[in-house]
Amino acid sequence: MTVIFSLDTDSDATVWPAMPVLGNGWGAARRRKKWARRTSELLWALVDDEPDDKEKEVKMLAFELDSVAELLPQTVSVHQVFLYVPDPRREFLTFLVHAGPSEGDVEETLDELVQKDEPGAMREPEVIDFDTERLGRGKRSIRYFVAAKAEAMCVSVNYAWRLESLGIDVIVRTLGEDIGWITSNIDEFDDFARSLFINLDE
């Protein structure tokens, strides 16, 4: 089964910009660079206390955005990516969106999608029901683990919903090493997750 869809949000686009997933086709690199530059310029334009060398900072953030937009789809199966950039002076987070056909018992599947019993957790993940008005029945987990490559403690925040009407399950996930900052922004992430809705492509 193939479902053509996209997630959209009415959250602040200057805090939650969408990242293009373009692959390596003709013109993709040019479009990524153009998106990265424009996004970086917009984000830095919103900063009150401008840095001494703003152009340098714009170029650095644009490079980081372009690099992630190029490399991420090559390493992770992903349909869409949203970024969390409340301040361009600190590292941004990627929120990855993936969807697939609904399979199995809804409770067991949602637990699996939010990695409730995934090996490697430092302690039992914090899992709660996370139903939303727009996406329906779901769960959210906060999971602490040691990343094999980085050999550092990380935390992931995982959302999953079963969209009964479409016959698909949707996952939204972020992770990072800055545990204190990520966990202090859970309310912001939850608000973003509640703002998500499905756009069906005709």
N, C-alpha and C. Protein backbone atom coordinates (compact mmCIF):
# COMPACT_ATOMS: atom_id res chain seq x y z
N MET A 1 0.84 -1.19 0.00
CA MET A 1 0.00 0.00 0.00
C MET A 1 0.88 1.24 0.00
N THR A 2 0.53 2.22 -0.84
CA THR A 2 1.26 3.48 -0.88
C THR A 2 0.29 4.62 -0.58
N VAL A 3 0.63 5.42 0.41
CA VAL A 3 -0.17 6.59 0.75
C VAL A 3 0.68 7.82 0.51
N ILE A 4 0.22 8.69 -0.37
CA ILE A 4 0.93 9.92 -0.64
C ILE A 4 0.35 10.99 0.28
N PHE A 5 1.19 11.52 1.13
CA PHE A 5 0.71 12.47 2.12
C PHE A 5 1.85 13.40 2.52
N SER A 6 1.49 14.43 3.25
CA SER A 6 2.51 15.26 3.88
C SER A 6 1.96 15.78 5.20
N LEU A 7 2.86 16.02 6.13
CA LEU A 7 2.48 16.65 7.38
C LEU A 7 2.66 18.16 7.24
N ASP A 8 1.77 18.88 7.84
CA ASP A 8 1.89 20.34 7.87
C ASP A 8 1.68 20.80 9.30
N THR A 9 2.02 22.04 9.57
CA THR A 9 1.89 22.60 10.90
C THR A 9 1.57 24.07 10.80
N ASP A 10 0.85 24.59 11.80
CA ASP A 10 0.66 26.03 11.86
C ASP A 10 1.50 26.63 13.00
N SER A 11 2.53 25.88 13.43
CA SER A 11 3.50 26.44 14.36
C SER A 11 4.32 27.52 13.66
N ASP A 12 4.98 28.34 14.44
CA ASP A 12 5.79 29.44 13.92
C ASP A 12 6.88 28.90 13.00
N ALA A 13 6.81 29.26 11.73
CA ALA A 13 7.77 28.75 10.74
C ALA A 13 9.17 29.29 10.93
N THR A 14 9.32 30.35 11.72
CA THR A 14 10.67 30.87 12.00
C THR A 14 11.33 30.09 13.12
N VAL A 15 10.56 29.29 13.85
CA VAL A 15 11.10 28.42 14.89
C VAL A 15 11.10 26.97 14.42
N TRP A 16 10.11 26.63 13.60
CA TRP A 16 9.94 25.26 13.11
C TRP A 16 9.96 25.22 11.57
N PRO A 17 11.06 25.61 10.94
CA PRO A 17 11.10 25.56 9.47
C PRO A 17 11.15 24.12 8.97
N ALA A 18 10.54 23.91 7.80
CA ALA A 18 10.62 22.60 7.15
C ALA A 18 11.90 22.52 6.33
N MET A 19 12.54 21.36 6.36
CA MET A 19 13.75 21.13 5.60
C MET A 19 13.41 20.32 4.36
N PRO A 20 13.85 20.73 3.18
CA PRO A 20 13.54 19.96 1.97
C PRO A 20 14.28 18.62 1.96
N VAL A 21 13.58 17.58 1.49
CA VAL A 21 14.19 16.26 1.29
C VAL A 21 14.24 16.05 -0.22
N LEU A 22 15.41 16.31 -0.80
CA LEU A 22 15.50 16.44 -2.26
C LEU A 22 16.25 15.31 -2.95
N GLY A 23 16.96 14.47 -2.21
CA GLY A 23 17.73 13.42 -2.86
C GLY A 23 18.92 14.01 -3.61
N ASN A 24 19.35 13.30 -4.65
CA ASN A 24 20.53 13.73 -5.41
C ASN A 24 20.22 13.94 -6.88
N GLY A 25 18.96 14.22 -7.20
CA GLY A 25 18.59 14.44 -8.60
C GLY A 25 19.13 15.74 -9.16
N TRP A 26 18.81 15.99 -10.42
CA TRP A 26 19.30 17.18 -11.11
C TRP A 26 18.82 18.45 -10.39
N GLY A 27 19.72 19.33 -10.09
CA GLY A 27 19.38 20.60 -9.47
C GLY A 27 19.17 20.54 -7.98
N ALA A 28 19.26 19.34 -7.37
CA ALA A 28 18.97 19.21 -5.94
C ALA A 28 19.96 20.00 -5.09
N ALA A 29 21.24 19.91 -5.44
CA ALA A 29 22.26 20.61 -4.65
C ALA A 29 22.04 22.12 -4.68
N ARG A 30 21.71 22.64 -5.84
CA ARG A 30 21.48 24.08 -5.97
C ARG A 30 20.27 24.51 -5.15
N ARG A 31 19.20 23.72 -5.20
CA ARG A 31 18.00 24.06 -4.45
C ARG A 31 18.24 23.97 -2.93
N ARG A 32 19.04 22.98 -2.50
CA ARG A 32 19.36 22.87 -1.08
C ARG A 32 20.14 24.09 -0.60
N LYS A 33 21.14 24.47 -1.37
CA LYS A 33 21.97 25.62 -0.98
C LYS A 33 21.14 26.91 -0.93
N LYS A 34 20.24 27.05 -1.90
CA LYS A 34 19.39 28.23 -1.92
C LYS A 34 18.48 28.26 -0.70
N TRP A 35 17.89 27.11 -0.36
CA TRP A 35 17.03 27.02 0.83
C TRP A 35 17.85 27.32 2.08
N ALA A 36 19.03 26.73 2.19
CA ALA A 36 19.85 26.91 3.39
C ALA A 36 20.24 28.37 3.58
N ARG A 37 20.62 29.03 2.50
CA ARG A 37 21.01 30.43 2.60
C ARG A 37 19.83 31.30 3.01
N ARG A 38 18.69 31.11 2.37
CA ARG A 38 17.52 31.93 2.69
C ARG A 38 17.05 31.70 4.12
N THR A 39 17.07 30.44 4.55
CA THR A 39 16.64 30.12 5.90
C THR A 39 17.59 30.73 6.92
N SER A 40 18.88 30.63 6.67
CA SER A 40 19.86 31.21 7.59
C SER A 40 19.70 32.73 7.68
N GLU A 41 19.52 33.37 6.55
CA GLU A 41 19.33 34.83 6.55
C GLU A 41 18.09 35.22 7.35
N LEU A 42 17.01 34.48 7.17
CA LEU A 42 15.77 34.77 7.90
C LEU A 42 15.97 34.60 9.40
N LEU A 43 16.58 33.51 9.80
CA LEU A 43 16.76 33.24 11.23
C LEU A 43 17.65 34.28 11.89
N TRP A 44 18.73 34.66 11.22
CA TRP A 44 19.62 35.66 11.80
C TRP A 44 19.00 37.06 11.79
N ALA A 45 18.09 37.32 10.86
CA ALA A 45 17.42 38.62 10.82
C ALA A 45 16.53 38.83 12.04
N LEU A 46 16.15 37.75 12.71
CA LEU A 46 15.26 37.83 13.86
C LEU A 46 16.00 37.99 15.18
N VAL A 47 17.33 37.90 15.13
CA VAL A 47 18.14 38.02 16.35
C VAL A 47 18.30 39.49 16.71
N ASP A 48 18.00 39.85 17.95
CA ASP A 48 18.06 41.24 18.38
C ASP A 48 19.50 41.76 18.47
N ASP A 49 20.34 41.02 19.19
CA ASP A 49 21.73 41.46 19.34
C ASP A 49 22.60 40.78 18.28
N GLU A 50 22.77 41.48 17.17
CA GLU A 50 23.50 40.92 16.03
C GLU A 50 24.97 40.70 16.37
N PRO A 51 25.58 39.63 15.84
CA PRO A 51 27.00 39.38 16.08
C PRO A 51 27.84 40.40 15.32
N ASP A 52 29.12 40.47 15.70
CA ASP A 52 30.03 41.42 15.06
C ASP A 52 30.16 41.12 13.56
N ASP A 53 30.26 39.85 13.23
CA ASP A 53 30.39 39.45 11.82
C ASP A 53 29.17 38.61 11.44
N LYS A 54 28.07 39.31 11.18
CA LYS A 54 26.82 38.62 10.88
C LYS A 54 26.91 37.77 9.62
N GLU A 55 27.59 38.27 8.59
CA GLU A 55 27.70 37.52 7.34
C GLU A 55 28.40 36.19 7.57
N LYS A 56 29.41 36.19 8.41
CA LYS A 56 30.12 34.94 8.72
C LYS A 56 29.18 33.96 9.39
N GLU A 57 28.38 34.45 10.34
CA GLU A 57 27.44 33.58 11.05
C GLU A 57 26.38 33.03 10.10
N VAL A 58 25.90 33.88 9.20
CA VAL A 58 24.91 33.44 8.20
C VAL A 58 25.50 32.33 7.35
N LYS A 59 26.73 32.49 6.91
CA LYS A 59 27.38 31.47 6.08
C LYS A 59 27.57 30.16 6.84
N MET A 60 27.95 30.27 8.11
CA MET A 60 28.18 29.06 8.90
C MET A 60 26.89 28.27 9.11
N LEU A 61 25.80 28.98 9.46
CA LEU A 61 24.53 28.30 9.66
C LEU A 61 24.03 27.73 8.34
N ALA A 62 24.18 28.47 7.25
CA ALA A 62 23.75 27.98 5.94
C ALA A 62 24.50 26.70 5.57
N PHE A 63 25.78 26.66 5.88
CA PHE A 63 26.58 25.46 5.61
C PHE A 63 26.06 24.28 6.42
N GLU A 64 25.76 24.50 7.70
CA GLU A 64 25.25 23.43 8.55
C GLU A 64 23.90 22.93 8.05
N LEU A 65 23.02 23.85 7.69
CA LEU A 65 21.70 23.47 7.17
C LEU A 65 21.83 22.67 5.87
N ASP A 66 22.68 23.14 4.98
CA ASP A 66 22.89 22.46 3.70
C ASP A 66 23.46 21.06 3.92
N SER A 67 24.41 20.94 4.84
CA SER A 67 25.03 19.64 5.10
C SER A 67 24.03 18.63 5.63
N VAL A 68 23.20 19.07 6.58
CA VAL A 68 22.19 18.17 7.14
C VAL A 68 21.17 17.79 6.07
N ALA A 69 20.74 18.77 5.28
CA ALA A 69 19.74 18.50 4.23
C ALA A 69 20.27 17.52 3.20
N GLU A 70 21.58 17.52 2.97
CA GLU A 70 22.17 16.60 2.01
C GLU A 70 22.38 15.21 2.60
N LEU A 71 22.93 15.14 3.81
CA LEU A 71 23.37 13.87 4.36
C LEU A 71 22.27 13.07 5.06
N LEU A 72 21.35 13.76 5.70
CA LEU A 72 20.35 13.07 6.51
C LEU A 72 19.54 12.04 5.71
N PRO A 73 18.99 12.38 4.54
CA PRO A 73 18.21 11.38 3.81
C PRO A 73 19.03 10.18 3.33
N GLN A 74 20.35 10.32 3.31
CA GLN A 74 21.21 9.22 2.90
C GLN A 74 21.43 8.21 4.02
N THR A 75 21.18 8.63 5.25
CA THR A 75 21.44 7.76 6.40
C THR A 75 20.19 7.29 7.12
N VAL A 76 19.07 7.98 6.91
CA VAL A 76 17.83 7.65 7.62
C VAL A 76 16.68 7.63 6.62
N SER A 77 15.81 6.63 6.77
CA SER A 77 14.59 6.60 5.96
C SER A 77 13.63 7.65 6.50
N VAL A 78 13.36 8.67 5.70
CA VAL A 78 12.59 9.80 6.20
C VAL A 78 11.71 10.37 5.09
N HIS A 79 10.48 10.75 5.44
CA HIS A 79 9.57 11.37 4.49
C HIS A 79 9.68 12.89 4.52
N GLN A 80 9.81 13.43 5.72
CA GLN A 80 9.89 14.87 5.91
C GLN A 80 10.80 15.17 7.09
N VAL A 81 11.27 16.42 7.13
CA VAL A 81 12.07 16.87 8.26
C VAL A 81 11.64 18.28 8.64
N PHE A 82 11.39 18.48 9.93
CA PHE A 82 11.20 19.82 10.48
C PHE A 82 12.40 20.12 11.38
N LEU A 83 12.77 21.38 11.47
CA LEU A 83 13.86 21.79 12.34
C LEU A 83 13.29 22.59 13.52
N TYR A 84 13.95 22.45 14.66
CA TYR A 84 13.63 23.30 15.81
C TYR A 84 14.80 24.25 15.98
N VAL A 85 14.57 25.53 15.66
CA VAL A 85 15.63 26.55 15.71
C VAL A 85 15.12 27.78 16.46
N PRO A 86 14.99 27.69 17.78
CA PRO A 86 14.52 28.86 18.52
C PRO A 86 15.57 29.97 18.58
N ASP A 87 16.83 29.61 18.33
CA ASP A 87 17.93 30.58 18.38
C ASP A 87 19.04 30.08 17.47
N PRO A 88 19.38 30.81 16.40
CA PRO A 88 20.41 30.33 15.47
C PRO A 88 21.80 30.28 16.06
N ARG A 89 21.96 30.79 17.27
CA ARG A 89 23.29 30.77 17.90
C ARG A 89 23.60 29.43 18.57
N ARG A 90 22.62 28.53 18.63
CA ARG A 90 22.88 27.22 19.19
C ARG A 90 22.49 26.13 18.19
N GLU A 91 22.94 24.93 18.45
CA GLU A 91 22.69 23.83 17.52
C GLU A 91 21.19 23.56 17.40
N PHE A 92 20.74 23.37 16.17
CA PHE A 92 19.32 23.09 15.94
C PHE A 92 19.05 21.59 16.06
N LEU A 93 17.77 21.24 16.23
CA LEU A 93 17.35 19.85 16.28
C LEU A 93 16.58 19.50 15.01
N THR A 94 16.73 18.26 14.58
CA THR A 94 15.95 17.76 13.45
C THR A 94 14.82 16.88 13.98
N PHE A 95 13.61 17.09 13.49
CA PHE A 95 12.46 16.26 13.81
C PHE A 95 12.10 15.47 12.55
N LEU A 96 12.34 14.17 12.59
CA LEU A 96 12.19 13.31 11.42
C LEU A 96 10.79 12.72 11.37
N VAL A 97 10.20 12.73 10.20
CA VAL A 97 8.85 12.20 9.99
C VAL A 97 8.94 10.98 9.09
N HIS A 98 8.32 9.89 9.53
CA HIS A 98 8.26 8.67 8.72
C HIS A 98 6.87 8.06 8.86
N ALA A 99 6.40 7.44 7.80
CA ALA A 99 5.08 6.79 7.83
C ALA A 99 5.13 5.46 7.11
N GLY A 100 4.30 4.54 7.56
CA GLY A 100 4.19 3.24 6.91
C GLY A 100 2.82 2.66 7.15
N PRO A 101 2.49 1.57 6.46
CA PRO A 101 1.19 0.94 6.62
C PRO A 101 0.95 0.48 8.06
N SER A 102 -0.26 0.66 8.54
CA SER A 102 -0.59 0.20 9.89
C SER A 102 -0.55 -1.32 9.93
N GLU A 103 0.08 -1.84 10.97
CA GLU A 103 0.17 -3.29 11.12
C GLU A 103 0.02 -3.66 12.59
N GLY A 104 -0.74 -4.72 12.87
CA GLY A 104 -0.82 -5.27 14.21
C GLY A 104 -1.67 -4.47 15.17
N ASP A 105 -1.66 -4.92 16.41
CA ASP A 105 -2.41 -4.27 17.48
C ASP A 105 -1.92 -2.85 17.67
N VAL A 106 -2.85 -1.91 17.83
CA VAL A 106 -2.48 -0.51 17.88
C VAL A 106 -1.60 -0.19 19.09
N GLU A 107 -1.94 -0.73 20.26
CA GLU A 107 -1.14 -0.43 21.45
C GLU A 107 0.28 -0.97 21.32
N GLU A 108 0.39 -2.22 20.89
CA GLU A 108 1.71 -2.82 20.74
C GLU A 108 2.53 -2.11 19.67
N THR A 109 1.88 -1.72 18.58
CA THR A 109 2.59 -1.06 17.51
C THR A 109 3.07 0.32 17.93
N LEU A 110 2.22 1.09 18.59
CA LEU A 110 2.63 2.42 19.05
C LEU A 110 3.77 2.33 20.06
N ASP A 111 3.70 1.32 20.96
CA ASP A 111 4.80 1.11 21.90
C ASP A 111 6.11 0.84 21.16
N GLU A 112 6.02 0.03 20.11
CA GLU A 112 7.23 -0.28 19.33
C GLU A 112 7.75 0.95 18.61
N LEU A 113 6.85 1.75 18.05
CA LEU A 113 7.27 2.92 17.28
C LEU A 113 7.92 3.98 18.16
N VAL A 114 7.48 4.10 19.41
CA VAL A 114 8.13 5.06 20.30
C VAL A 114 9.27 4.42 21.09
N GLN A 115 9.66 3.21 20.67
CA GLN A 115 10.85 2.52 21.19
C GLN A 115 10.76 2.21 22.69
N LYS A 116 9.56 1.82 23.12
CA LYS A 116 9.35 1.53 24.54
C LYS A 116 10.28 0.43 25.03
N ASP A 117 10.45 -0.63 24.22
CA ASP A 117 11.26 -1.77 24.65
C ASP A 117 12.52 -1.94 23.80
N GLU A 118 12.94 -0.87 23.12
CA GLU A 118 14.14 -0.93 22.29
C GLU A 118 15.37 -1.18 23.18
N PRO A 119 16.22 -2.15 22.81
CA PRO A 119 17.41 -2.42 23.62
C PRO A 119 18.34 -1.20 23.70
N GLY A 120 19.09 -1.12 24.76
CA GLY A 120 20.10 -0.07 24.88
C GLY A 120 19.71 1.12 25.72
N ALA A 121 18.47 1.15 26.20
CA ALA A 121 18.05 2.28 27.03
C ALA A 121 18.74 2.24 28.38
N MET A 122 19.11 3.42 28.89
CA MET A 122 19.77 3.50 30.18
C MET A 122 18.79 3.26 31.33
N ARG A 123 17.53 3.57 31.07
CA ARG A 123 16.47 3.27 32.02
C ARG A 123 15.18 3.15 31.22
N GLU A 124 14.14 2.68 31.87
CA GLU A 124 12.88 2.47 31.17
C GLU A 124 12.36 3.80 30.61
N PRO A 125 12.07 3.84 29.30
CA PRO A 125 11.59 5.09 28.70
C PRO A 125 10.30 5.57 29.35
N GLU A 126 10.13 6.88 29.35
CA GLU A 126 8.91 7.50 29.86
C GLU A 126 7.90 7.54 28.72
N VAL A 127 6.87 6.73 28.80
CA VAL A 127 5.88 6.61 27.73
C VAL A 127 4.52 7.07 28.24
N ILE A 128 3.88 7.96 27.47
CA ILE A 128 2.54 8.43 27.83
C ILE A 128 1.64 8.37 26.60
N ASP A 129 0.33 8.29 26.83
CA ASP A 129 -0.61 8.45 25.73
C ASP A 129 -0.52 9.88 25.23
N PHE A 130 -0.58 10.04 23.91
CA PHE A 130 -0.45 11.37 23.33
C PHE A 130 -1.43 11.51 22.16
N ASP A 131 -2.72 11.48 22.49
CA ASP A 131 -3.76 11.68 21.48
C ASP A 131 -3.85 13.17 21.15
N THR A 132 -4.03 13.48 19.88
CA THR A 132 -4.20 14.87 19.47
C THR A 132 -5.47 15.02 18.66
N GLU A 133 -5.99 16.22 18.66
CA GLU A 133 -7.23 16.49 17.94
C GLU A 133 -7.06 16.26 16.45
N ARG A 134 -5.86 16.54 15.93
CA ARG A 134 -5.65 16.48 14.48
C ARG A 134 -5.18 15.12 13.99
N LEU A 135 -4.33 14.44 14.76
CA LEU A 135 -3.80 13.16 14.30
C LEU A 135 -4.42 11.97 15.01
N GLY A 136 -5.14 12.21 16.08
CA GLY A 136 -5.84 11.11 16.73
C GLY A 136 -5.00 10.38 17.76
N ARG A 137 -5.15 9.07 17.78
CA ARG A 137 -4.59 8.24 18.84
C ARG A 137 -3.07 8.13 18.70
N GLY A 138 -2.36 8.38 19.80
CA GLY A 138 -0.91 8.32 19.71
C GLY A 138 -0.23 8.12 21.05
N LYS A 139 1.10 8.06 21.00
CA LYS A 139 1.92 7.95 22.21
C LYS A 139 3.17 8.80 22.04
N ARG A 140 3.75 9.16 23.19
CA ARG A 140 5.02 9.89 23.18
C ARG A 140 5.95 9.26 24.21
N SER A 141 7.22 9.15 23.85
CA SER A 141 8.20 8.63 24.79
C SER A 141 9.40 9.55 24.88
N ILE A 142 10.06 9.51 26.04
CA ILE A 142 11.37 10.14 26.23
C ILE A 142 12.31 9.01 26.61
N ARG A 143 13.35 8.83 25.80
CA ARG A 143 14.22 7.65 25.96
C ARG A 143 15.68 8.09 26.08
N TYR A 144 16.38 7.58 27.11
CA TYR A 144 17.78 7.90 27.33
C TYR A 144 18.62 6.68 26.94
N PHE A 145 19.69 6.91 26.19
CA PHE A 145 20.51 5.81 25.70
C PHE A 145 21.91 6.32 25.39
N VAL A 146 22.83 5.39 25.18
CA VAL A 146 24.18 5.74 24.79
C VAL A 146 24.33 5.47 23.30
N ALA A 147 24.65 6.51 22.54
CA ALA A 147 24.83 6.37 21.10
C ALA A 147 26.11 5.60 20.82
N ALA A 148 25.99 4.56 19.99
CA ALA A 148 27.14 3.69 19.73
C ALA A 148 28.30 4.45 19.09
N LYS A 149 28.01 5.29 18.10
CA LYS A 149 29.07 5.99 17.39
C LYS A 149 29.68 7.10 18.23
N ALA A 150 28.83 7.88 18.89
CA ALA A 150 29.34 9.01 19.65
C ALA A 150 29.86 8.61 21.02
N GLU A 151 29.45 7.43 21.51
CA GLU A 151 29.79 6.98 22.85
C GLU A 151 29.42 8.03 23.89
N ALA A 152 28.28 8.65 23.68
CA ALA A 152 27.81 9.70 24.58
C ALA A 152 26.36 9.44 24.92
N MET A 153 25.96 9.91 26.09
CA MET A 153 24.56 9.80 26.50
C MET A 153 23.71 10.70 25.63
N CYS A 154 22.61 10.15 25.14
CA CYS A 154 21.68 10.91 24.30
C CYS A 154 20.26 10.73 24.82
N VAL A 155 19.39 11.57 24.35
CA VAL A 155 17.97 11.43 24.65
C VAL A 155 17.20 11.57 23.35
N SER A 156 16.18 10.76 23.19
CA SER A 156 15.29 10.89 22.03
C SER A 156 13.87 11.16 22.52
N VAL A 157 13.15 11.96 21.75
CA VAL A 157 11.74 12.23 22.01
C VAL A 157 10.99 11.69 20.80
N ASN A 158 10.07 10.76 21.06
CA ASN A 158 9.44 10.00 19.98
C ASN A 158 7.93 10.09 20.06
N TYR A 159 7.32 10.45 18.95
CA TYR A 159 5.86 10.52 18.86
C TYR A 159 5.39 9.53 17.80
N ALA A 160 4.26 8.90 18.03
CA ALA A 160 3.70 8.00 17.04
C ALA A 160 2.18 8.04 17.11
N TRP A 161 1.55 7.96 15.94
CA TRP A 161 0.09 7.96 15.85
C TRP A 161 -0.36 6.90 14.86
N ARG A 162 -1.52 6.35 15.10
CA ARG A 162 -2.18 5.49 14.11
C ARG A 162 -3.31 6.29 13.49
N LEU A 163 -3.22 6.50 12.18
CA LEU A 163 -4.26 7.22 11.44
C LEU A 163 -5.18 6.19 10.81
N GLU A 164 -6.22 5.84 11.56
CA GLU A 164 -7.11 4.77 11.15
C GLU A 164 -7.72 5.01 9.77
N SER A 165 -8.10 6.25 9.50
CA SER A 165 -8.79 6.55 8.24
C SER A 165 -7.89 6.36 7.03
N LEU A 166 -6.58 6.46 7.22
CA LEU A 166 -5.63 6.31 6.12
C LEU A 166 -4.91 4.97 6.14
N GLY A 167 -5.05 4.24 7.24
CA GLY A 167 -4.37 2.96 7.33
C GLY A 167 -2.87 3.08 7.45
N ILE A 168 -2.39 4.17 8.09
CA ILE A 168 -0.95 4.35 8.24
C ILE A 168 -0.60 4.71 9.68
N ASP A 169 0.64 4.42 10.04
CA ASP A 169 1.21 4.85 11.30
C ASP A 169 2.28 5.90 11.01
N VAL A 170 2.29 6.97 11.81
CA VAL A 170 3.21 8.09 11.59
C VAL A 170 4.11 8.25 12.81
N ILE A 171 5.40 8.43 12.54
CA ILE A 171 6.39 8.65 13.59
C ILE A 171 7.02 10.02 13.40
N VAL A 172 7.22 10.74 14.50
CA VAL A 172 7.99 11.98 14.51
C VAL A 172 9.02 11.83 15.63
N ARG A 173 10.30 11.99 15.30
CA ARG A 173 11.35 11.69 16.28
C ARG A 173 12.49 12.71 16.21
N THR A 174 13.02 13.05 17.38
CA THR A 174 14.23 13.85 17.45
C THR A 174 15.15 13.24 18.50
N LEU A 175 16.43 13.54 18.41
CA LEU A 175 17.38 13.07 19.42
C LEU A 175 18.59 13.98 19.45
N GLY A 176 19.32 13.93 20.55
CA GLY A 176 20.52 14.75 20.67
C GLY A 176 21.24 14.47 21.97
N GLU A 177 22.43 15.07 22.11
CA GLU A 177 23.27 14.87 23.28
C GLU A 177 23.05 15.92 24.37
N ASP A 178 22.44 17.05 24.02
CA ASP A 178 22.22 18.12 25.00
C ASP A 178 20.96 17.80 25.80
N ILE A 179 21.10 16.87 26.72
CA ILE A 179 19.94 16.31 27.42
C ILE A 179 19.17 17.37 28.19
N GLY A 180 19.88 18.24 28.90
CA GLY A 180 19.20 19.26 29.70
C GLY A 180 18.37 20.18 28.85
N TRP A 181 18.93 20.63 27.72
CA TRP A 181 18.20 21.55 26.85
C TRP A 181 17.00 20.88 26.21
N ILE A 182 17.19 19.64 25.74
CA ILE A 182 16.10 18.93 25.09
C ILE A 182 14.95 18.68 26.06
N THR A 183 15.28 18.17 27.24
CA THR A 183 14.21 17.85 28.18
C THR A 183 13.53 19.10 28.73
N SER A 184 14.23 20.22 28.75
CA SER A 184 13.61 21.46 29.22
C SER A 184 12.65 22.05 28.19
N ASN A 185 12.70 21.53 26.96
CA ASN A 185 11.83 22.05 25.90
C ASN A 185 10.73 21.06 25.50
N ILE A 186 10.48 20.05 26.32
CA ILE A 186 9.45 19.06 25.98
C ILE A 186 8.10 19.70 25.74
N ASP A 187 7.73 20.70 26.53
CA ASP A 187 6.44 21.36 26.33
C ASP A 187 6.35 22.00 24.95
N GLU A 188 7.46 22.59 24.49
CA GLU A 188 7.49 23.18 23.15
C GLU A 188 7.31 22.10 22.09
N PHE A 189 7.97 20.96 22.29
CA PHE A 189 7.85 19.87 21.33
C PHE A 189 6.43 19.33 21.30
N ASP A 190 5.83 19.21 22.49
CA ASP A 190 4.46 18.70 22.56
C ASP A 190 3.49 19.65 21.84
N ASP A 191 3.68 20.95 22.01
CA ASP A 191 2.83 21.91 21.31
C ASP A 191 2.99 21.78 19.80
N PHE A 192 4.22 21.59 19.35
CA PHE A 192 4.46 21.39 17.92
C PHE A 192 3.77 20.11 17.44
N ALA A 193 3.91 19.04 18.19
CA ALA A 193 3.29 17.77 17.80
C ALA A 193 1.77 17.90 17.71
N ARG A 194 1.18 18.67 18.61
CA ARG A 194 -0.28 18.86 18.57
C ARG A 194 -0.70 19.72 17.38
N SER A 195 0.23 20.49 16.85
CA SER A 195 -0.11 21.37 15.72
C SER A 195 -0.06 20.65 14.37
N LEU A 196 0.49 19.43 14.35
CA LEU A 196 0.66 18.72 13.08
C LEU A 196 -0.67 18.21 12.55
N PHE A 197 -0.80 18.28 11.25
CA PHE A 197 -1.98 17.72 10.60
C PHE A 197 -1.59 17.17 9.23
N ILE A 198 -2.44 16.32 8.69
CA ILE A 198 -2.15 15.64 7.43
C ILE A 198 -2.70 16.42 6.25
N ASN A 199 -1.86 16.59 5.23
CA ASN A 199 -2.29 17.08 3.92
C ASN A 199 -2.21 15.94 2.93
N LEU A 200 -3.31 15.55 2.38
CA LEU A 200 -3.31 14.50 1.37
C LEU A 200 -3.09 15.12 -0.01
N ASP A 201 -2.12 14.60 -0.74
CA ASP A 201 -1.85 15.08 -2.09
C ASP A 201 -2.85 14.44 -3.05
N GLU A 202 -3.51 15.29 -3.79
CA GLU A 202 -4.52 14.77 -4.72
C GLU A 202 -3.85 14.12 -5.93
